[in-house]
N, C-alpha and C. Protein backbone atom coordinates (compact mmCIF):
# COMPACT_ATOMS: atom_id res chain seq x y z
N MET A 1 39.64 -3.54 -56.42
CA MET A 1 38.17 -3.84 -56.65
C MET A 1 37.43 -3.86 -55.16
N ARG A 2 38.27 -4.59 -54.37
CA ARG A 2 37.74 -4.59 -53.02
C ARG A 2 37.49 -3.26 -52.29
N THR A 3 38.44 -2.44 -52.57
CA THR A 3 38.51 -1.10 -51.88
C THR A 3 37.21 -0.22 -52.32
N LYS A 4 36.99 -0.47 -53.71
CA LYS A 4 35.87 0.50 -54.26
C LYS A 4 34.40 -0.26 -53.71
N ILE A 5 34.47 -1.45 -53.68
CA ILE A 5 33.12 -1.96 -53.18
C ILE A 5 33.00 -1.56 -51.66
N GLY A 6 34.22 -1.65 -50.79
CA GLY A 6 34.16 -1.24 -49.48
C GLY A 6 33.84 0.28 -49.20
N VAL A 7 34.37 1.05 -50.32
CA VAL A 7 34.06 2.44 -50.07
C VAL A 7 32.63 2.95 -50.51
N ALA A 8 32.11 2.13 -51.47
CA ALA A 8 30.63 2.18 -51.95
C ALA A 8 29.72 1.81 -50.71
N ILE A 9 30.14 0.74 -50.27
CA ILE A 9 29.25 0.35 -48.99
C ILE A 9 29.38 1.35 -47.86
N ALA A 10 30.45 1.79 -47.52
CA ALA A 10 30.60 2.82 -46.49
C ALA A 10 29.88 4.13 -46.88
N ALA A 11 29.98 4.50 -48.04
CA ALA A 11 29.21 5.59 -48.36
C ALA A 11 27.71 5.55 -48.31
N LEU A 12 27.24 4.53 -48.79
CA LEU A 12 25.70 4.15 -48.82
C LEU A 12 25.44 4.02 -47.23
N LEU A 13 26.21 3.46 -46.44
CA LEU A 13 25.86 3.49 -44.87
C LEU A 13 25.80 4.84 -44.35
N VAL A 14 26.80 5.67 -44.55
CA VAL A 14 26.76 6.99 -44.10
C VAL A 14 25.61 7.75 -44.74
N ILE A 15 25.22 7.73 -45.95
CA ILE A 15 24.05 8.29 -46.54
C ILE A 15 22.67 7.73 -45.69
N GLY A 16 22.70 6.54 -45.69
CA GLY A 16 21.32 5.97 -44.99
C GLY A 16 21.41 6.42 -43.51
N LEU A 17 22.43 6.52 -42.70
CA LEU A 17 22.38 7.11 -41.32
C LEU A 17 21.97 8.58 -41.45
N VAL A 18 22.67 9.29 -42.38
CA VAL A 18 22.36 10.72 -42.21
C VAL A 18 20.79 10.88 -42.75
N ALA A 19 20.40 10.20 -43.62
CA ALA A 19 18.90 10.33 -44.18
C ALA A 19 17.97 9.98 -43.11
N THR A 20 18.23 8.87 -42.16
CA THR A 20 17.28 8.52 -41.07
C THR A 20 17.25 9.45 -40.03
N ALA A 21 18.56 10.11 -39.76
CA ALA A 21 18.56 11.33 -38.70
C ALA A 21 17.77 12.47 -39.03
N PHE A 22 17.89 12.87 -40.31
CA PHE A 22 17.01 13.86 -40.82
C PHE A 22 15.33 13.56 -40.90
N ALA A 23 15.19 12.37 -40.95
CA ALA A 23 13.88 12.00 -41.23
C ALA A 23 13.03 11.97 -39.64
N GLN A 24 13.77 12.09 -38.75
CA GLN A 24 13.10 11.80 -37.37
C GLN A 24 12.49 13.28 -37.08
N PRO A 25 11.33 13.26 -36.31
CA PRO A 25 10.63 14.57 -36.20
C PRO A 25 11.42 15.35 -35.15
N MET A 26 11.35 16.66 -35.42
CA MET A 26 12.06 17.63 -34.69
C MET A 26 11.64 17.67 -33.06
N ARG A 27 12.51 17.76 -32.23
CA ARG A 27 12.09 18.04 -30.83
C ARG A 27 11.25 19.25 -30.51
N GLY A 28 10.50 19.34 -29.66
CA GLY A 28 9.90 20.81 -29.08
C GLY A 28 8.46 20.52 -29.14
N ARG A 29 7.76 21.41 -28.60
CA ARG A 29 6.29 21.37 -28.24
C ARG A 29 5.46 21.90 -29.50
N GLY A 30 6.16 22.74 -30.23
CA GLY A 30 5.43 23.45 -31.31
C GLY A 30 4.47 24.53 -30.78
N LYS A 31 3.41 24.67 -31.23
CA LYS A 31 2.65 25.95 -30.90
C LYS A 31 1.56 25.51 -29.90
N LEU A 32 1.77 24.76 -28.98
CA LEU A 32 0.90 24.40 -28.08
C LEU A 32 0.78 25.71 -26.82
N PRO A 33 -0.16 25.66 -26.23
CA PRO A 33 -0.45 26.52 -25.21
C PRO A 33 0.84 26.63 -24.15
N HIS A 34 1.40 25.54 -23.73
CA HIS A 34 2.52 25.38 -22.87
C HIS A 34 3.86 25.46 -23.60
N ALA A 35 3.89 25.85 -24.93
CA ALA A 35 5.23 25.77 -25.54
C ALA A 35 6.14 27.02 -25.19
N VAL A 36 7.31 26.88 -25.40
CA VAL A 36 8.19 27.90 -25.31
C VAL A 36 8.52 28.69 -26.35
N GLY A 37 8.49 30.24 -26.30
CA GLY A 37 8.89 30.85 -27.57
C GLY A 37 8.00 31.85 -27.72
N PRO A 38 7.92 32.69 -29.03
CA PRO A 38 7.03 33.76 -29.20
C PRO A 38 5.61 33.39 -29.33
N GLU A 39 5.31 32.17 -29.46
CA GLU A 39 3.80 31.66 -29.73
C GLU A 39 3.37 31.25 -28.41
N ALA A 40 4.04 31.13 -27.23
CA ALA A 40 3.80 30.53 -25.96
C ALA A 40 2.65 31.23 -25.45
N GLY A 41 1.51 30.44 -24.92
CA GLY A 41 0.37 30.90 -24.22
C GLY A 41 -0.61 31.68 -25.04
N LYS A 42 -0.50 31.43 -26.48
CA LYS A 42 -1.41 32.22 -27.35
C LYS A 42 -2.59 31.24 -27.55
N GLY A 43 -2.51 30.13 -27.16
CA GLY A 43 -3.53 29.10 -27.62
C GLY A 43 -3.17 28.28 -28.94
N TRP A 44 -4.29 27.47 -29.24
CA TRP A 44 -3.86 26.54 -30.36
C TRP A 44 -4.02 27.11 -31.78
N MET A 45 -4.42 28.33 -32.02
CA MET A 45 -4.42 29.18 -33.21
C MET A 45 -3.31 30.23 -33.35
N GLY A 46 -2.69 30.19 -32.36
CA GLY A 46 -1.78 31.42 -32.04
C GLY A 46 -2.20 32.58 -31.73
N ILE A 47 -3.42 32.68 -31.39
CA ILE A 47 -4.07 34.06 -31.05
C ILE A 47 -4.52 33.98 -29.41
N THR A 48 -4.74 35.09 -28.82
CA THR A 48 -5.40 34.92 -27.53
C THR A 48 -6.84 35.40 -27.72
N PRO A 49 -7.77 34.53 -27.18
CA PRO A 49 -9.13 34.86 -27.16
C PRO A 49 -9.35 36.23 -26.59
N PRO A 50 -10.37 36.90 -27.21
CA PRO A 50 -10.62 38.19 -26.48
C PRO A 50 -11.60 37.98 -25.25
N LEU A 51 -11.00 37.82 -24.15
CA LEU A 51 -11.92 37.52 -22.83
C LEU A 51 -11.60 38.65 -22.13
N THR A 52 -12.71 39.02 -21.21
CA THR A 52 -12.77 40.06 -20.34
C THR A 52 -11.79 39.47 -18.94
N THR A 53 -11.63 40.38 -18.15
CA THR A 53 -10.80 39.92 -16.94
C THR A 53 -11.72 39.05 -16.15
N GLU A 54 -13.07 39.31 -16.11
CA GLU A 54 -14.16 38.39 -15.40
C GLU A 54 -14.18 37.24 -15.87
N GLN A 55 -14.33 36.96 -17.30
CA GLN A 55 -14.33 35.88 -17.86
C GLN A 55 -13.02 34.84 -17.60
N MET A 56 -11.80 35.47 -17.54
CA MET A 56 -10.67 34.78 -17.24
C MET A 56 -10.66 34.31 -15.64
N GLU A 57 -11.12 35.19 -14.79
CA GLU A 57 -11.26 34.84 -13.37
C GLU A 57 -12.29 33.53 -13.25
N LYS A 58 -13.29 33.57 -13.88
CA LYS A 58 -14.20 32.49 -14.00
C LYS A 58 -13.53 31.17 -14.55
N ILE A 59 -12.84 31.44 -15.57
CA ILE A 59 -12.33 30.02 -16.10
C ILE A 59 -11.14 29.75 -15.06
N THR A 60 -10.36 30.56 -14.39
CA THR A 60 -9.47 30.12 -13.46
C THR A 60 -10.03 29.43 -12.32
N ALA A 61 -11.23 30.14 -11.85
CA ALA A 61 -12.01 29.58 -10.69
C ALA A 61 -12.51 28.10 -10.95
N MET A 62 -12.99 27.94 -12.26
CA MET A 62 -13.59 26.54 -12.68
C MET A 62 -12.43 25.55 -12.79
N ARG A 63 -11.25 26.02 -13.32
CA ARG A 63 -10.22 25.02 -13.46
C ARG A 63 -9.67 24.63 -11.97
N ILE A 64 -9.68 25.49 -11.09
CA ILE A 64 -9.11 25.11 -9.76
C ILE A 64 -10.29 24.32 -9.26
N ASP A 65 -11.46 24.53 -9.23
CA ASP A 65 -12.61 23.59 -8.80
C ASP A 65 -12.46 22.27 -9.21
N HIS A 66 -12.19 22.18 -10.54
CA HIS A 66 -12.16 21.00 -11.27
C HIS A 66 -10.89 20.09 -10.79
N GLN A 67 -9.72 20.81 -10.44
CA GLN A 67 -8.61 19.92 -10.11
C GLN A 67 -8.94 19.70 -8.58
N LYS A 68 -9.59 20.40 -7.63
CA LYS A 68 -9.84 20.18 -6.51
C LYS A 68 -10.84 18.69 -6.52
N GLY A 69 -11.66 18.70 -7.35
CA GLY A 69 -12.64 17.73 -7.24
C GLY A 69 -11.98 16.55 -7.79
N THR A 70 -10.97 16.47 -8.69
CA THR A 70 -10.32 15.18 -9.05
C THR A 70 -9.29 14.73 -8.27
N ILE A 71 -8.74 15.43 -7.23
CA ILE A 71 -7.94 15.02 -6.29
C ILE A 71 -8.20 13.66 -5.64
N ASP A 72 -9.41 13.57 -5.19
CA ASP A 72 -9.79 12.27 -4.31
C ASP A 72 -10.17 11.25 -5.36
N LEU A 73 -10.49 11.56 -6.76
CA LEU A 73 -10.68 10.42 -7.69
C LEU A 73 -9.12 9.85 -7.85
N ARG A 74 -8.27 10.72 -8.30
CA ARG A 74 -6.98 10.25 -8.37
C ARG A 74 -6.32 9.47 -7.24
N ALA A 75 -6.60 9.84 -6.03
CA ALA A 75 -6.10 8.98 -4.76
C ALA A 75 -6.75 7.76 -4.97
N ASP A 76 -8.01 7.65 -5.19
CA ASP A 76 -8.64 6.31 -5.20
C ASP A 76 -8.13 5.47 -6.17
N LEU A 77 -7.83 6.04 -7.48
CA LEU A 77 -7.39 5.20 -8.57
C LEU A 77 -5.97 4.74 -8.26
N GLN A 78 -5.22 5.59 -7.59
CA GLN A 78 -3.91 5.10 -7.16
C GLN A 78 -4.04 3.90 -6.14
N LYS A 79 -4.91 4.10 -5.08
CA LYS A 79 -5.05 2.97 -4.11
C LYS A 79 -5.57 1.72 -4.83
N LYS A 80 -6.35 1.82 -5.84
CA LYS A 80 -6.87 0.60 -6.59
C LYS A 80 -5.71 -0.10 -7.42
N GLU A 81 -5.05 0.77 -7.92
CA GLU A 81 -3.76 0.24 -8.70
C GLU A 81 -2.72 -0.50 -7.81
N LEU A 82 -2.45 0.03 -6.46
CA LEU A 82 -1.70 -0.58 -5.40
C LEU A 82 -2.43 -1.87 -5.11
N ASP A 83 -3.53 -1.91 -4.92
CA ASP A 83 -4.35 -3.22 -4.65
C ASP A 83 -4.05 -4.05 -5.73
N LEU A 84 -4.28 -3.68 -6.99
CA LEU A 84 -4.05 -4.56 -8.20
C LEU A 84 -2.68 -5.17 -8.22
N ARG A 85 -1.60 -4.13 -7.94
CA ARG A 85 -0.27 -4.73 -7.97
C ARG A 85 -0.04 -5.79 -6.73
N THR A 86 -0.51 -5.59 -5.70
CA THR A 86 -0.51 -6.52 -4.57
C THR A 86 -0.92 -7.87 -5.14
N LEU A 87 -2.20 -7.83 -5.63
CA LEU A 87 -2.89 -9.14 -5.95
C LEU A 87 -2.02 -9.80 -7.28
N MET A 88 -1.46 -9.06 -8.06
CA MET A 88 -0.69 -9.56 -9.27
C MET A 88 0.68 -10.16 -8.63
N MET A 89 1.22 -9.64 -7.74
CA MET A 89 2.35 -10.16 -7.11
C MET A 89 2.20 -11.39 -6.16
N ALA A 90 0.99 -11.71 -5.70
CA ALA A 90 0.92 -12.80 -5.05
C ALA A 90 1.35 -14.14 -5.67
N GLU A 91 1.88 -15.07 -4.73
CA GLU A 91 2.30 -16.27 -5.37
C GLU A 91 1.16 -17.18 -5.69
N LYS A 92 0.07 -17.11 -4.82
CA LYS A 92 -0.98 -17.82 -5.13
C LYS A 92 -2.20 -16.87 -5.41
N PRO A 93 -2.44 -16.45 -6.56
CA PRO A 93 -3.62 -15.70 -6.76
C PRO A 93 -4.89 -16.20 -6.32
N ASN A 94 -5.76 -15.34 -5.79
CA ASN A 94 -7.03 -15.86 -5.38
C ASN A 94 -7.87 -15.84 -6.66
N GLU A 95 -8.40 -17.04 -7.22
CA GLU A 95 -9.19 -17.38 -8.34
C GLU A 95 -10.61 -16.68 -8.20
N SER A 96 -11.06 -16.54 -7.01
CA SER A 96 -12.55 -16.06 -6.80
C SER A 96 -12.66 -14.65 -7.07
N ARG A 97 -11.36 -13.76 -6.98
CA ARG A 97 -11.51 -12.26 -7.28
C ARG A 97 -11.20 -12.15 -8.50
N ARG A 98 -11.07 -13.03 -9.42
CA ARG A 98 -10.82 -12.85 -10.92
C ARG A 98 -12.00 -12.29 -11.59
N TRP A 99 -11.68 -11.18 -12.46
CA TRP A 99 -12.59 -10.59 -13.21
C TRP A 99 -13.14 -11.09 -14.61
N GLU A 100 -14.11 -11.47 -14.87
CA GLU A 100 -14.48 -12.11 -16.27
C GLU A 100 -15.45 -11.22 -16.86
N PRO A 101 -15.15 -10.76 -18.10
CA PRO A 101 -15.99 -9.98 -18.87
C PRO A 101 -17.45 -10.51 -19.09
């Protein structure tokens, strides 16, 4: 009787583990523009938009200009994060610098 209960519990445990393993989402990026596979680079709908070479060059230039423009903003943000981290690690925080909503 004990072995039957033990085998039944073990079988239920194995079934439960297998079911949860298959319930997890599959790894991978799917059909995103940066995905790997036959759909890579075709955009969100799996098609390449009909753009001219001039339009593609303009989009590329706009992307580069945007990235150049955000470099300073990202650097300022990182500096502010370091300042905040320094303030948070202080043994005696300066209460006058506390932000109140």
